[in-house]
Amino acid sequence: MGFEEMWEKIIACDKTYDGLFYTAVKTTKIYCRPSCRSRKPKKENVRFYGHREEAEAAGFRACKRCQPEAERTPHAALIRSVTAFLVREHRRALSLRDISAYAGVSPYHLERLFKQETSETPRTFLEKIRVDKAARLLRTTDRGSLDICYESGFRSPSHFYKAFRRLTACTPSQYRRRSAAGEASAFCDAHPAHQPKEVISSEQAASSRP
């Protein structure tokens, strides 16, 4: 993921990417999860790190509100590893068996743990990642919908259109038009189904970042 895409995720407080990268603010020396709801920093004051240890080594301390250093369940590290794999390999044709082989556990065990942590299955989570990638391509490029369908990892246009509409409440072409008019964020991204649930739950605390 590039800087602009990661910036979009922290502005949206996107929980999908929690644990996959960390936002560090140079002026406060604090680092956070992408989903942190503290006041957003200025773009020029932001640095991104792939691992929290890198942020800490650079002199940043953990945000007290989103607590990015905390592992709140015994399976958090495993689920974070699986979500990182799904984001990284979203273009591949991945079955539950493929995903569980990567995780080193049985398909049944993985699906049970993943649902316990995220309230969804690995396959529905992967579908959300693909729709998210497609939405970004619709916003930022002039590529055709069919091209975007396959680039995002979908194997058929019918599945792409069905999933996109279900998760954003509009078709790809509607999304692109509204995005060009500055309306896509308000109309489509606000759809409840498009907001992924937390991989690791966050507790309220008393810190904010400038």
N, C-alpha and C. Protein backbone atom coordinates (compact mmCIF):
# COMPACT_ATOMS: atom_id res chain seq x y z
N MET A 1 0.84 -1.19 0.00
CA MET A 1 0.00 0.00 0.00
C MET A 1 0.88 1.24 0.00
N GLY A 2 0.48 2.24 -0.80
CA GLY A 2 1.21 3.48 -0.85
C GLY A 2 0.72 4.48 0.19
N PHE A 3 1.43 5.60 0.29
CA PHE A 3 1.09 6.62 1.28
C PHE A 3 -0.35 7.09 1.13
N GLU A 4 -0.78 7.41 -0.11
CA GLU A 4 -2.11 7.97 -0.32
C GLU A 4 -3.21 6.99 0.10
N GLU A 5 -3.01 5.72 -0.21
CA GLU A 5 -4.03 4.73 0.16
C GLU A 5 -4.09 4.57 1.68
N MET A 6 -2.94 4.56 2.33
CA MET A 6 -2.95 4.46 3.79
C MET A 6 -3.55 5.71 4.42
N TRP A 7 -3.29 6.87 3.83
CA TRP A 7 -3.89 8.11 4.33
C TRP A 7 -5.41 8.04 4.24
N GLU A 8 -5.93 7.52 3.13
CA GLU A 8 -7.38 7.37 2.97
C GLU A 8 -7.96 6.49 4.08
N LYS A 9 -7.22 5.44 4.45
CA LYS A 9 -7.72 4.51 5.47
C LYS A 9 -7.81 5.17 6.84
N ILE A 10 -6.83 6.01 7.19
CA ILE A 10 -6.91 6.64 8.52
C ILE A 10 -7.97 7.73 8.54
N ILE A 11 -8.18 8.40 7.43
CA ILE A 11 -9.25 9.41 7.37
C ILE A 11 -10.61 8.73 7.54
N ALA A 12 -10.75 7.53 6.96
CA ALA A 12 -12.00 6.78 7.05
C ALA A 12 -12.11 5.97 8.35
N CYS A 13 -11.05 5.97 9.17
CA CYS A 13 -11.01 5.14 10.39
C CYS A 13 -11.33 3.69 10.06
N ASP A 14 -10.69 3.19 9.00
CA ASP A 14 -11.01 1.87 8.46
C ASP A 14 -10.40 0.76 9.32
N LYS A 15 -11.24 0.01 10.01
CA LYS A 15 -10.80 -1.05 10.92
C LYS A 15 -10.19 -2.23 10.18
N THR A 16 -10.49 -2.36 8.89
CA THR A 16 -9.98 -3.49 8.12
C THR A 16 -8.47 -3.58 8.18
N TYR A 17 -7.81 -2.45 8.29
CA TYR A 17 -6.36 -2.42 8.17
C TYR A 17 -5.65 -2.31 9.52
N ASP A 18 -6.39 -2.44 10.61
CA ASP A 18 -5.76 -2.44 11.93
C ASP A 18 -4.75 -3.57 12.03
N GLY A 19 -3.55 -3.24 12.48
CA GLY A 19 -2.50 -4.24 12.62
C GLY A 19 -1.68 -4.45 11.37
N LEU A 20 -2.16 -3.90 10.24
CA LEU A 20 -1.44 -4.06 8.98
C LEU A 20 -0.47 -2.92 8.73
N PHE A 21 -0.77 -1.76 9.31
CA PHE A 21 0.18 -0.66 9.34
C PHE A 21 -0.19 0.26 10.50
N TYR A 22 0.72 1.14 10.83
CA TYR A 22 0.51 2.06 11.96
C TYR A 22 0.80 3.49 11.53
N THR A 23 0.01 4.41 12.07
CA THR A 23 0.14 5.83 11.76
C THR A 23 0.92 6.52 12.87
N ALA A 24 2.01 7.17 12.52
CA ALA A 24 2.80 7.90 13.51
C ALA A 24 2.73 9.39 13.20
N VAL A 25 2.59 10.19 14.25
CA VAL A 25 2.47 11.64 14.09
C VAL A 25 3.73 12.31 14.62
N LYS A 26 4.44 12.98 13.73
CA LYS A 26 5.75 13.54 14.08
C LYS A 26 5.67 14.61 15.16
N THR A 27 4.58 15.37 15.20
CA THR A 27 4.49 16.48 16.15
C THR A 27 4.19 16.02 17.58
N THR A 28 3.52 14.88 17.72
CA THR A 28 3.17 14.39 19.06
C THR A 28 3.99 13.18 19.48
N LYS A 29 4.68 12.55 18.50
CA LYS A 29 5.46 11.33 18.74
C LYS A 29 4.57 10.20 19.23
N ILE A 30 3.34 10.15 18.72
CA ILE A 30 2.38 9.10 19.06
C ILE A 30 2.08 8.27 17.81
N TYR A 31 1.91 6.95 17.99
CA TYR A 31 1.48 6.12 16.86
C TYR A 31 0.16 5.45 17.20
N CYS A 32 -0.64 5.20 16.16
CA CYS A 32 -2.02 4.72 16.33
C CYS A 32 -2.36 3.62 15.33
N ARG A 33 -3.51 3.00 15.58
CA ARG A 33 -4.12 2.10 14.60
C ARG A 33 -4.76 2.95 13.49
N PRO A 34 -4.98 2.40 12.29
CA PRO A 34 -5.71 3.14 11.26
C PRO A 34 -7.11 3.55 11.69
N SER A 35 -7.74 2.76 12.56
CA SER A 35 -9.13 3.03 12.95
C SER A 35 -9.26 4.04 14.09
N CYS A 36 -8.15 4.54 14.61
CA CYS A 36 -8.21 5.44 15.76
C CYS A 36 -9.08 6.66 15.45
N ARG A 37 -9.95 7.01 16.39
CA ARG A 37 -10.89 8.12 16.16
C ARG A 37 -10.45 9.41 16.84
N SER A 38 -9.20 9.47 17.23
CA SER A 38 -8.68 10.74 17.73
C SER A 38 -8.63 11.75 16.58
N ARG A 39 -8.47 13.02 16.93
CA ARG A 39 -8.44 14.07 15.92
C ARG A 39 -7.34 13.80 14.90
N LYS A 40 -7.67 13.97 13.62
CA LYS A 40 -6.73 13.62 12.56
C LYS A 40 -5.58 14.63 12.49
N PRO A 41 -4.37 14.12 12.26
CA PRO A 41 -3.21 15.01 12.15
C PRO A 41 -3.14 15.65 10.77
N LYS A 42 -2.28 16.63 10.64
CA LYS A 42 -2.01 17.18 9.32
C LYS A 42 -1.24 16.14 8.51
N LYS A 43 -1.55 16.09 7.23
CA LYS A 43 -0.97 15.07 6.36
C LYS A 43 0.55 15.11 6.36
N GLU A 44 1.10 16.32 6.38
CA GLU A 44 2.56 16.44 6.30
C GLU A 44 3.26 15.98 7.58
N ASN A 45 2.49 15.77 8.65
CA ASN A 45 3.07 15.32 9.92
C ASN A 45 2.98 13.82 10.13
N VAL A 46 2.51 13.10 9.11
CA VAL A 46 2.26 11.66 9.25
C VAL A 46 3.38 10.82 8.64
N ARG A 47 3.71 9.75 9.36
CA ARG A 47 4.58 8.71 8.82
C ARG A 47 3.88 7.38 9.04
N PHE A 48 4.11 6.42 8.14
CA PHE A 48 3.50 5.11 8.28
C PHE A 48 4.57 4.04 8.51
N TYR A 49 4.22 3.08 9.35
CA TYR A 49 5.12 1.96 9.64
C TYR A 49 4.35 0.65 9.47
N GLY A 50 5.04 -0.36 8.97
CA GLY A 50 4.41 -1.66 8.80
C GLY A 50 4.29 -2.45 10.09
N HIS A 51 5.13 -2.13 11.06
CA HIS A 51 5.13 -2.84 12.34
C HIS A 51 5.25 -1.83 13.48
N ARG A 52 4.57 -2.11 14.57
CA ARG A 52 4.60 -1.16 15.69
C ARG A 52 6.00 -1.07 16.29
N GLU A 53 6.78 -2.15 16.21
CA GLU A 53 8.14 -2.12 16.73
C GLU A 53 8.99 -1.08 16.00
N GLU A 54 8.72 -0.91 14.71
CA GLU A 54 9.46 0.10 13.93
C GLU A 54 9.11 1.50 14.42
N ALA A 55 7.83 1.72 14.70
CA ALA A 55 7.41 3.03 15.20
C ALA A 55 8.04 3.31 16.56
N GLU A 56 8.07 2.30 17.41
CA GLU A 56 8.64 2.48 18.74
C GLU A 56 10.15 2.72 18.66
N ALA A 57 10.81 2.00 17.74
CA ALA A 57 12.26 2.19 17.57
C ALA A 57 12.59 3.59 17.08
N ALA A 58 11.63 4.20 16.35
CA ALA A 58 11.82 5.56 15.85
C ALA A 58 11.46 6.62 16.88
N GLY A 59 11.07 6.19 18.07
CA GLY A 59 10.81 7.13 19.15
C GLY A 59 9.35 7.50 19.38
N PHE A 60 8.42 6.77 18.72
CA PHE A 60 7.00 7.05 18.90
C PHE A 60 6.44 6.18 20.03
N ARG A 61 5.46 6.71 20.77
CA ARG A 61 4.81 5.96 21.84
C ARG A 61 3.36 5.65 21.46
N ALA A 62 2.83 4.61 22.05
CA ALA A 62 1.48 4.14 21.69
C ALA A 62 0.40 5.12 22.15
N CYS A 63 -0.61 5.28 21.30
CA CYS A 63 -1.78 6.10 21.63
C CYS A 63 -2.54 5.44 22.78
N LYS A 64 -2.94 6.24 23.76
CA LYS A 64 -3.68 5.70 24.90
C LYS A 64 -5.13 5.40 24.56
N ARG A 65 -5.61 5.99 23.48
CA ARG A 65 -7.02 5.77 23.12
C ARG A 65 -7.21 4.46 22.36
N CYS A 66 -6.46 4.25 21.29
CA CYS A 66 -6.67 3.04 20.48
C CYS A 66 -5.76 1.89 20.90
N GLN A 67 -4.75 2.16 21.73
CA GLN A 67 -3.86 1.14 22.29
C GLN A 67 -3.34 0.16 21.24
N PRO A 68 -2.57 0.65 20.29
CA PRO A 68 -2.11 -0.22 19.20
C PRO A 68 -1.14 -1.31 19.63
N GLU A 69 -0.56 -1.16 20.82
CA GLU A 69 0.40 -2.16 21.30
C GLU A 69 -0.28 -3.34 21.98
N ALA A 70 -1.58 -3.24 22.25
CA ALA A 70 -2.28 -4.25 23.05
C ALA A 70 -2.79 -5.40 22.19
N GLU A 71 -2.57 -6.60 22.66
CA GLU A 71 -3.16 -7.80 22.05
C GLU A 71 -4.26 -8.26 23.01
N ARG A 72 -5.52 -8.09 22.61
CA ARG A 72 -6.59 -8.29 23.58
C ARG A 72 -7.15 -9.71 23.61
N THR A 73 -6.74 -10.55 22.69
CA THR A 73 -7.16 -11.95 22.76
C THR A 73 -5.96 -12.82 22.42
N PRO A 74 -5.98 -14.10 22.81
CA PRO A 74 -4.86 -14.99 22.51
C PRO A 74 -4.65 -15.21 21.01
N HIS A 75 -5.70 -14.98 20.23
CA HIS A 75 -5.62 -15.28 18.80
C HIS A 75 -5.41 -14.03 17.94
N ALA A 76 -5.19 -12.89 18.56
CA ALA A 76 -5.09 -11.63 17.81
C ALA A 76 -3.97 -11.66 16.79
N ALA A 77 -2.81 -12.19 17.17
CA ALA A 77 -1.66 -12.21 16.26
C ALA A 77 -1.94 -13.09 15.05
N LEU A 78 -2.59 -14.23 15.27
CA LEU A 78 -2.92 -15.12 14.16
C LEU A 78 -3.89 -14.45 13.20
N ILE A 79 -4.93 -13.83 13.73
CA ILE A 79 -5.92 -13.18 12.87
C ILE A 79 -5.30 -12.01 12.13
N ARG A 80 -4.43 -11.26 12.79
CA ARG A 80 -3.75 -10.15 12.12
C ARG A 80 -2.88 -10.66 10.97
N SER A 81 -2.22 -11.79 11.18
CA SER A 81 -1.40 -12.39 10.13
C SER A 81 -2.26 -12.82 8.94
N VAL A 82 -3.42 -13.39 9.24
CA VAL A 82 -4.32 -13.83 8.16
C VAL A 82 -4.89 -12.63 7.40
N THR A 83 -5.29 -11.59 8.10
CA THR A 83 -5.83 -10.42 7.40
C THR A 83 -4.76 -9.76 6.53
N ALA A 84 -3.52 -9.73 7.02
CA ALA A 84 -2.42 -9.19 6.21
C ALA A 84 -2.23 -10.02 4.95
N PHE A 85 -2.33 -11.33 5.10
CA PHE A 85 -2.22 -12.24 3.95
C PHE A 85 -3.34 -11.98 2.94
N LEU A 86 -4.56 -11.80 3.43
CA LEU A 86 -5.69 -11.55 2.53
C LEU A 86 -5.54 -10.23 1.79
N VAL A 87 -5.07 -9.20 2.47
CA VAL A 87 -4.85 -7.92 1.80
C VAL A 87 -3.76 -8.05 0.75
N ARG A 88 -2.69 -8.71 1.12
CA ARG A 88 -1.54 -8.85 0.22
C ARG A 88 -1.85 -9.72 -0.99
N GLU A 89 -2.66 -10.76 -0.80
CA GLU A 89 -2.91 -11.74 -1.87
C GLU A 89 -4.33 -11.67 -2.41
N HIS A 90 -4.99 -10.52 -2.29
CA HIS A 90 -6.41 -10.44 -2.65
C HIS A 90 -6.68 -10.72 -4.13
N ARG A 91 -5.67 -10.59 -4.98
CA ARG A 91 -5.88 -10.86 -6.42
C ARG A 91 -5.89 -12.35 -6.73
N ARG A 92 -5.40 -13.16 -5.82
CA ARG A 92 -5.34 -14.60 -6.06
C ARG A 92 -6.70 -15.26 -5.83
N ALA A 93 -6.90 -16.40 -6.49
CA ALA A 93 -8.10 -17.21 -6.23
C ALA A 93 -7.82 -18.02 -4.96
N LEU A 94 -8.34 -17.56 -3.85
CA LEU A 94 -8.04 -18.18 -2.55
C LEU A 94 -9.25 -18.93 -2.01
N SER A 95 -9.06 -20.19 -1.71
CA SER A 95 -10.10 -20.96 -1.04
C SER A 95 -9.84 -20.92 0.47
N LEU A 96 -10.81 -21.36 1.24
CA LEU A 96 -10.61 -21.43 2.69
C LEU A 96 -9.44 -22.35 3.02
N ARG A 97 -9.28 -23.41 2.24
CA ARG A 97 -8.16 -24.33 2.47
C ARG A 97 -6.82 -23.63 2.23
N ASP A 98 -6.75 -22.79 1.19
CA ASP A 98 -5.52 -22.03 0.92
C ASP A 98 -5.18 -21.12 2.10
N ILE A 99 -6.21 -20.44 2.60
CA ILE A 99 -6.00 -19.49 3.69
C ILE A 99 -5.59 -20.22 4.97
N SER A 100 -6.24 -21.34 5.24
CA SER A 100 -5.91 -22.09 6.46
C SER A 100 -4.52 -22.71 6.36
N ALA A 101 -4.10 -23.10 5.15
CA ALA A 101 -2.75 -23.64 4.96
C ALA A 101 -1.71 -22.57 5.29
N TYR A 102 -1.98 -21.34 4.89
CA TYR A 102 -1.08 -20.25 5.23
C TYR A 102 -1.03 -20.05 6.75
N ALA A 103 -2.19 -20.13 7.39
CA ALA A 103 -2.26 -19.89 8.83
C ALA A 103 -1.71 -21.05 9.65
N GLY A 104 -1.65 -22.24 9.03
CA GLY A 104 -1.14 -23.41 9.74
C GLY A 104 -2.13 -24.05 10.68
N VAL A 105 -3.42 -23.84 10.40
CA VAL A 105 -4.47 -24.47 11.20
C VAL A 105 -5.49 -25.07 10.25
N SER A 106 -6.41 -25.86 10.78
CA SER A 106 -7.42 -26.48 9.93
C SER A 106 -8.42 -25.44 9.43
N PRO A 107 -9.07 -25.69 8.28
CA PRO A 107 -10.09 -24.76 7.79
C PRO A 107 -11.18 -24.49 8.82
N TYR A 108 -11.63 -25.55 9.49
CA TYR A 108 -12.68 -25.38 10.49
C TYR A 108 -12.21 -24.49 11.64
N HIS A 109 -11.01 -24.75 12.12
CA HIS A 109 -10.48 -23.98 13.26
C HIS A 109 -10.27 -22.52 12.86
N LEU A 110 -9.74 -22.29 11.67
CA LEU A 110 -9.52 -20.92 11.22
C LEU A 110 -10.83 -20.17 11.11
N GLU A 111 -11.82 -20.79 10.47
CA GLU A 111 -13.09 -20.09 10.28
C GLU A 111 -13.74 -19.77 11.63
N ARG A 112 -13.64 -20.69 12.57
CA ARG A 112 -14.21 -20.47 13.90
C ARG A 112 -13.50 -19.31 14.62
N LEU A 113 -12.17 -19.32 14.59
CA LEU A 113 -11.41 -18.26 15.26
C LEU A 113 -11.62 -16.91 14.58
N PHE A 114 -11.62 -16.92 13.25
CA PHE A 114 -11.76 -15.67 12.50
C PHE A 114 -13.13 -15.05 12.77
N LYS A 115 -14.14 -15.88 12.78
CA LYS A 115 -15.49 -15.36 13.04
C LYS A 115 -15.62 -14.88 14.49
N GLN A 116 -14.97 -15.57 15.39
CA GLN A 116 -14.98 -15.17 16.80
C GLN A 116 -14.34 -13.79 16.97
N GLU A 117 -13.27 -13.52 16.23
CA GLU A 117 -12.54 -12.26 16.35
C GLU A 117 -13.17 -11.12 15.55
N THR A 118 -13.73 -11.43 14.39
CA THR A 118 -14.17 -10.37 13.47
C THR A 118 -15.66 -10.37 13.17
N SER A 119 -16.38 -11.40 13.61
CA SER A 119 -17.81 -11.56 13.33
C SER A 119 -18.09 -11.84 11.85
N GLU A 120 -17.09 -12.25 11.11
CA GLU A 120 -17.29 -12.64 9.72
C GLU A 120 -16.30 -13.73 9.35
N THR A 121 -16.49 -14.35 8.19
CA THR A 121 -15.60 -15.42 7.78
C THR A 121 -14.43 -14.86 6.98
N PRO A 122 -13.36 -15.64 6.82
CA PRO A 122 -12.24 -15.17 5.99
C PRO A 122 -12.68 -14.82 4.57
N ARG A 123 -13.63 -15.56 4.03
CA ARG A 123 -14.04 -15.31 2.65
C ARG A 123 -14.85 -14.02 2.51
N THR A 124 -15.71 -13.73 3.49
CA THR A 124 -16.45 -12.46 3.41
C THR A 124 -15.52 -11.28 3.67
N PHE A 125 -14.52 -11.48 4.53
CA PHE A 125 -13.53 -10.43 4.76
C PHE A 125 -12.74 -10.16 3.47
N LEU A 126 -12.34 -11.23 2.78
CA LEU A 126 -11.62 -11.09 1.52
C LEU A 126 -12.46 -10.35 0.49
N GLU A 127 -13.74 -10.64 0.46
CA GLU A 127 -14.63 -9.96 -0.48
C GLU A 127 -14.68 -8.45 -0.18
N LYS A 128 -14.70 -8.08 1.09
CA LYS A 128 -14.69 -6.66 1.44
C LYS A 128 -13.40 -5.98 1.00
N ILE A 129 -12.28 -6.69 1.15
CA ILE A 129 -11.00 -6.14 0.69
C ILE A 129 -11.05 -5.89 -0.82
N ARG A 130 -11.58 -6.84 -1.56
CA ARG A 130 -11.66 -6.70 -3.02
C ARG A 130 -12.56 -5.55 -3.43
N VAL A 131 -13.69 -5.41 -2.76
CA VAL A 131 -14.59 -4.29 -3.06
C VAL A 131 -13.91 -2.97 -2.72
N ASP A 132 -13.19 -2.94 -1.62
CA ASP A 132 -12.46 -1.73 -1.22
C ASP A 132 -11.42 -1.35 -2.28
N LYS A 133 -10.67 -2.34 -2.77
CA LYS A 133 -9.67 -2.08 -3.81
C LYS A 133 -10.34 -1.60 -5.09
N ALA A 134 -11.47 -2.22 -5.44
CA ALA A 134 -12.20 -1.81 -6.64
C ALA A 134 -12.70 -0.38 -6.52
N ALA A 135 -13.22 -0.04 -5.35
CA ALA A 135 -13.73 1.32 -5.13
C ALA A 135 -12.63 2.35 -5.30
N ARG A 136 -11.45 2.03 -4.81
CA ARG A 136 -10.33 2.98 -4.95
C ARG A 136 -9.94 3.15 -6.42
N LEU A 137 -9.92 2.06 -7.17
CA LEU A 137 -9.60 2.15 -8.60
C LEU A 137 -10.66 2.96 -9.34
N LEU A 138 -11.91 2.81 -8.96
CA LEU A 138 -12.99 3.59 -9.58
C LEU A 138 -12.83 5.07 -9.28
N ARG A 139 -12.36 5.39 -8.08
CA ARG A 139 -12.17 6.80 -7.70
C ARG A 139 -10.95 7.43 -8.34
N THR A 140 -9.90 6.65 -8.51
CA THR A 140 -8.60 7.24 -8.84
C THR A 140 -8.10 6.95 -10.25
N THR A 141 -8.82 6.11 -11.01
CA THR A 141 -8.39 5.80 -12.37
C THR A 141 -9.58 5.89 -13.32
N ASP A 142 -9.29 5.81 -14.62
CA ASP A 142 -10.37 5.77 -15.61
C ASP A 142 -10.49 4.38 -16.22
N ARG A 143 -9.97 3.38 -15.55
CA ARG A 143 -10.04 2.01 -16.06
C ARG A 143 -11.48 1.53 -16.08
N GLY A 144 -11.79 0.65 -17.04
CA GLY A 144 -13.14 0.13 -17.18
C GLY A 144 -13.51 -0.81 -16.04
N SER A 145 -14.81 -0.98 -15.84
CA SER A 145 -15.29 -1.82 -14.74
C SER A 145 -14.84 -3.27 -14.87
N LEU A 146 -14.80 -3.79 -16.10
CA LEU A 146 -14.38 -5.18 -16.29
C LEU A 146 -12.92 -5.36 -15.90
N ASP A 147 -12.09 -4.42 -16.31
CA ASP A 147 -10.68 -4.45 -15.95
C ASP A 147 -10.51 -4.38 -14.43
N ILE A 148 -11.26 -3.50 -13.80
CA ILE A 148 -11.19 -3.34 -12.35
C ILE A 148 -11.68 -4.60 -11.64
N CYS A 149 -12.69 -5.22 -12.19
CA CYS A 149 -13.22 -6.47 -11.64
C CYS A 149 -12.10 -7.49 -11.44
N TYR A 150 -11.34 -7.74 -12.49
CA TYR A 150 -10.28 -8.75 -12.42
C TYR A 150 -9.06 -8.26 -11.65
N GLU A 151 -8.75 -6.98 -11.77
CA GLU A 151 -7.61 -6.42 -11.04
C GLU A 151 -7.83 -6.49 -9.53
N SER A 152 -9.08 -6.42 -9.12
CA SER A 152 -9.40 -6.46 -7.69
C SER A 152 -9.47 -7.87 -7.13
N GLY A 153 -9.40 -8.87 -8.00
CA GLY A 153 -9.39 -10.25 -7.54
C GLY A 153 -10.66 -11.02 -7.76
N PHE A 154 -11.69 -10.38 -8.31
CA PHE A 154 -12.94 -11.10 -8.61
C PHE A 154 -12.73 -11.99 -9.83
N ARG A 155 -13.43 -13.11 -9.85
CA ARG A 155 -13.27 -14.07 -10.94
C ARG A 155 -14.37 -13.97 -11.98
N SER A 156 -15.43 -13.21 -11.68
CA SER A 156 -16.51 -13.04 -12.66
C SER A 156 -17.16 -11.68 -12.48
N PRO A 157 -17.57 -11.04 -13.59
CA PRO A 157 -18.24 -9.74 -13.48
C PRO A 157 -19.52 -9.81 -12.65
N SER A 158 -20.26 -10.92 -12.76
CA SER A 158 -21.52 -11.01 -12.02
C SER A 158 -21.28 -10.99 -10.51
N HIS A 159 -20.27 -11.71 -10.08
CA HIS A 159 -19.92 -11.71 -8.65
C HIS A 159 -19.45 -10.33 -8.22
N PHE A 160 -18.65 -9.69 -9.05
CA PHE A 160 -18.15 -8.35 -8.76
C PHE A 160 -19.29 -7.36 -8.57
N TYR A 161 -20.20 -7.31 -9.53
CA TYR A 161 -21.31 -6.34 -9.46
C TYR A 161 -22.21 -6.62 -8.26
N LYS A 162 -22.46 -7.90 -8.00
CA LYS A 162 -23.33 -8.26 -6.88
C LYS A 162 -22.69 -7.87 -5.55
N ALA A 163 -21.41 -8.20 -5.38
CA ALA A 163 -20.71 -7.88 -4.13
C ALA A 163 -20.57 -6.38 -3.95
N PHE A 164 -20.24 -5.68 -5.03
CA PHE A 164 -20.04 -4.24 -4.94
C PHE A 164 -21.33 -3.54 -4.52
N ARG A 165 -22.42 -3.93 -5.14
CA ARG A 165 -23.70 -3.29 -4.80
C ARG A 165 -24.13 -3.62 -3.37
N ARG A 166 -23.90 -4.86 -2.96
CA ARG A 166 -24.29 -5.25 -1.60
C ARG A 166 -23.50 -4.49 -0.54
N LEU A 167 -22.23 -4.23 -0.79
CA LEU A 167 -21.38 -3.61 0.22
C LEU A 167 -21.31 -2.09 0.14
N THR A 168 -21.72 -1.52 -0.97
CA THR A 168 -21.66 -0.05 -1.09
C THR A 168 -23.00 0.60 -1.36
N ALA A 169 -24.03 -0.20 -1.62
CA ALA A 169 -25.37 0.31 -1.91
C ALA A 169 -25.44 1.05 -3.24
N CYS A 170 -24.49 0.81 -4.13
CA CYS A 170 -24.58 1.38 -5.48
C CYS A 170 -23.76 0.52 -6.43
N THR A 171 -23.99 0.69 -7.72
CA THR A 171 -23.24 -0.05 -8.72
C THR A 171 -21.88 0.61 -8.92
N PRO A 172 -20.93 -0.10 -9.55
CA PRO A 172 -19.63 0.53 -9.83
C PRO A 172 -19.74 1.82 -10.63
N SER A 173 -20.60 1.84 -11.64
CA SER A 173 -20.74 3.06 -12.45
C SER A 173 -21.35 4.20 -11.64
N GLN A 174 -22.33 3.89 -10.80
CA GLN A 174 -22.90 4.92 -9.92
C GLN A 174 -21.85 5.45 -8.95
N TYR A 175 -21.06 4.54 -8.41
CA TYR A 175 -20.01 4.93 -7.47
C TYR A 175 -19.03 5.89 -8.14
N ARG A 176 -18.62 5.56 -9.37
CA ARG A 176 -17.67 6.42 -10.08
C ARG A 176 -18.25 7.80 -10.34
N ARG A 177 -19.51 7.86 -10.76
CA ARG A 177 -20.14 9.16 -11.04
C ARG A 177 -20.24 9.98 -9.76
N ARG A 178 -20.65 9.35 -8.68
CA ARG A 178 -20.79 10.08 -7.42
C ARG A 178 -19.44 10.49 -6.85
N SER A 179 -18.45 9.64 -7.09
CA SER A 179 -17.11 10.00 -6.65
C SER A 179 -16.61 11.23 -7.39
N ALA A 180 -16.84 11.27 -8.70
CA ALA A 180 -16.42 12.42 -9.50
C ALA A 180 -17.14 13.69 -9.06
N ALA A 181 -18.37 13.52 -8.57
CA ALA A 181 -19.15 14.67 -8.12
C ALA A 181 -18.94 14.97 -6.63
N GLY A 182 -18.05 14.18 -6.00
CA GLY A 182 -17.79 14.38 -4.58
C GLY A 182 -18.85 13.81 -3.67
N GLU A 183 -19.65 12.88 -4.19
CA GLU A 183 -20.77 12.34 -3.41
C GLU A 183 -20.57 10.90 -2.97
N ALA A 184 -19.59 10.19 -3.54
CA ALA A 184 -19.48 8.76 -3.27
C ALA A 184 -19.23 8.47 -1.80
N SER A 185 -18.41 9.27 -1.17
CA SER A 185 -18.10 9.01 0.23
C SER A 185 -19.35 9.10 1.10
N ALA A 186 -20.17 10.12 0.82
CA ALA A 186 -21.36 10.32 1.64
C ALA A 186 -22.42 9.28 1.36
N PHE A 187 -22.57 8.89 0.09
CA PHE A 187 -23.67 8.00 -0.27
C PHE A 187 -23.31 6.53 -0.13
N CYS A 188 -22.15 6.15 -0.70
CA CYS A 188 -21.83 4.74 -0.77
C CYS A 188 -21.02 4.23 0.41
N ASP A 189 -19.93 4.91 0.75
CA ASP A 189 -19.06 4.40 1.80
C ASP A 189 -19.75 4.39 3.15
N ALA A 190 -20.80 5.21 3.30
CA ALA A 190 -21.51 5.27 4.58
C ALA A 190 -22.44 4.07 4.78
N HIS A 191 -22.65 3.27 3.73
CA HIS A 191 -23.52 2.11 3.85
C HIS A 191 -22.99 1.20 4.96
N PRO A 192 -23.83 0.77 5.91
CA PRO A 192 -23.35 0.00 7.06
C PRO A 192 -22.57 -1.24 6.67
N ALA A 193 -22.98 -1.90 5.58
CA ALA A 193 -22.30 -3.14 5.21
C ALA A 193 -20.88 -2.92 4.76
N HIS A 194 -20.55 -1.68 4.38
CA HIS A 194 -19.22 -1.39 3.88
C HIS A 194 -18.23 -1.10 5.00
N GLN A 195 -18.71 -1.03 6.24
CA GLN A 195 -17.82 -0.73 7.35
C GLN A 195 -17.39 -2.03 8.00
N PRO A 196 -16.15 -2.51 7.74
CA PRO A 196 -15.70 -3.76 8.33
C PRO A 196 -15.63 -3.67 9.84
N LYS A 197 -15.86 -4.82 10.49
CA LYS A 197 -15.82 -4.85 11.94
C LYS A 197 -14.37 -4.99 12.41
N GLU A 198 -14.11 -4.64 13.67
CA GLU A 198 -12.75 -4.63 14.19
C GLU A 198 -12.18 -6.03 14.25
N VAL A 199 -10.92 -6.15 13.85
CA VAL A 199 -10.20 -7.39 14.03
C VAL A 199 -9.84 -7.55 15.50
N ILE A 200 -9.48 -6.45 16.12
CA ILE A 200 -9.18 -6.45 17.55
C ILE A 200 -9.96 -5.30 18.15
N SER A 201 -10.79 -5.57 19.15
CA SER A 201 -11.64 -4.52 19.70
C SER A 201 -10.80 -3.48 20.41
N SER A 202 -11.30 -2.22 20.39
CA SER A 202 -10.60 -1.12 21.05
C SER A 202 -11.40 -0.62 22.24
N GLU A 203 -10.72 -0.23 23.28
CA GLU A 203 -11.38 0.34 24.45
C GLU A 203 -11.23 1.85 24.40
N GLN A 204 -12.18 2.53 24.99
CA GLN A 204 -12.10 3.99 25.07
C GLN A 204 -11.06 4.36 26.13
N ALA A 205 -10.26 5.38 25.84
CA ALA A 205 -9.31 5.92 26.82
C ALA A 205 -9.24 7.41 26.62
N ALA A 206 -8.31 8.05 27.27
CA ALA A 206 -8.38 9.50 27.35
C ALA A 206 -7.30 10.25 26.59
N SER A 207 -6.83 9.69 25.49
CA SER A 207 -5.78 10.41 24.77
C SER A 207 -6.29 10.87 23.43
N SER A 208 -5.76 11.96 22.89
CA SER A 208 -6.06 12.41 21.53
C SER A 208 -4.78 12.92 20.93
N ARG A 209 -4.75 13.00 19.60
CA ARG A 209 -3.55 13.48 18.94
C ARG A 209 -3.87 14.70 18.12
N PRO A 210 -3.00 15.70 18.06
CA PRO A 210 -3.24 16.88 17.25
C PRO A 210 -3.08 16.55 15.80
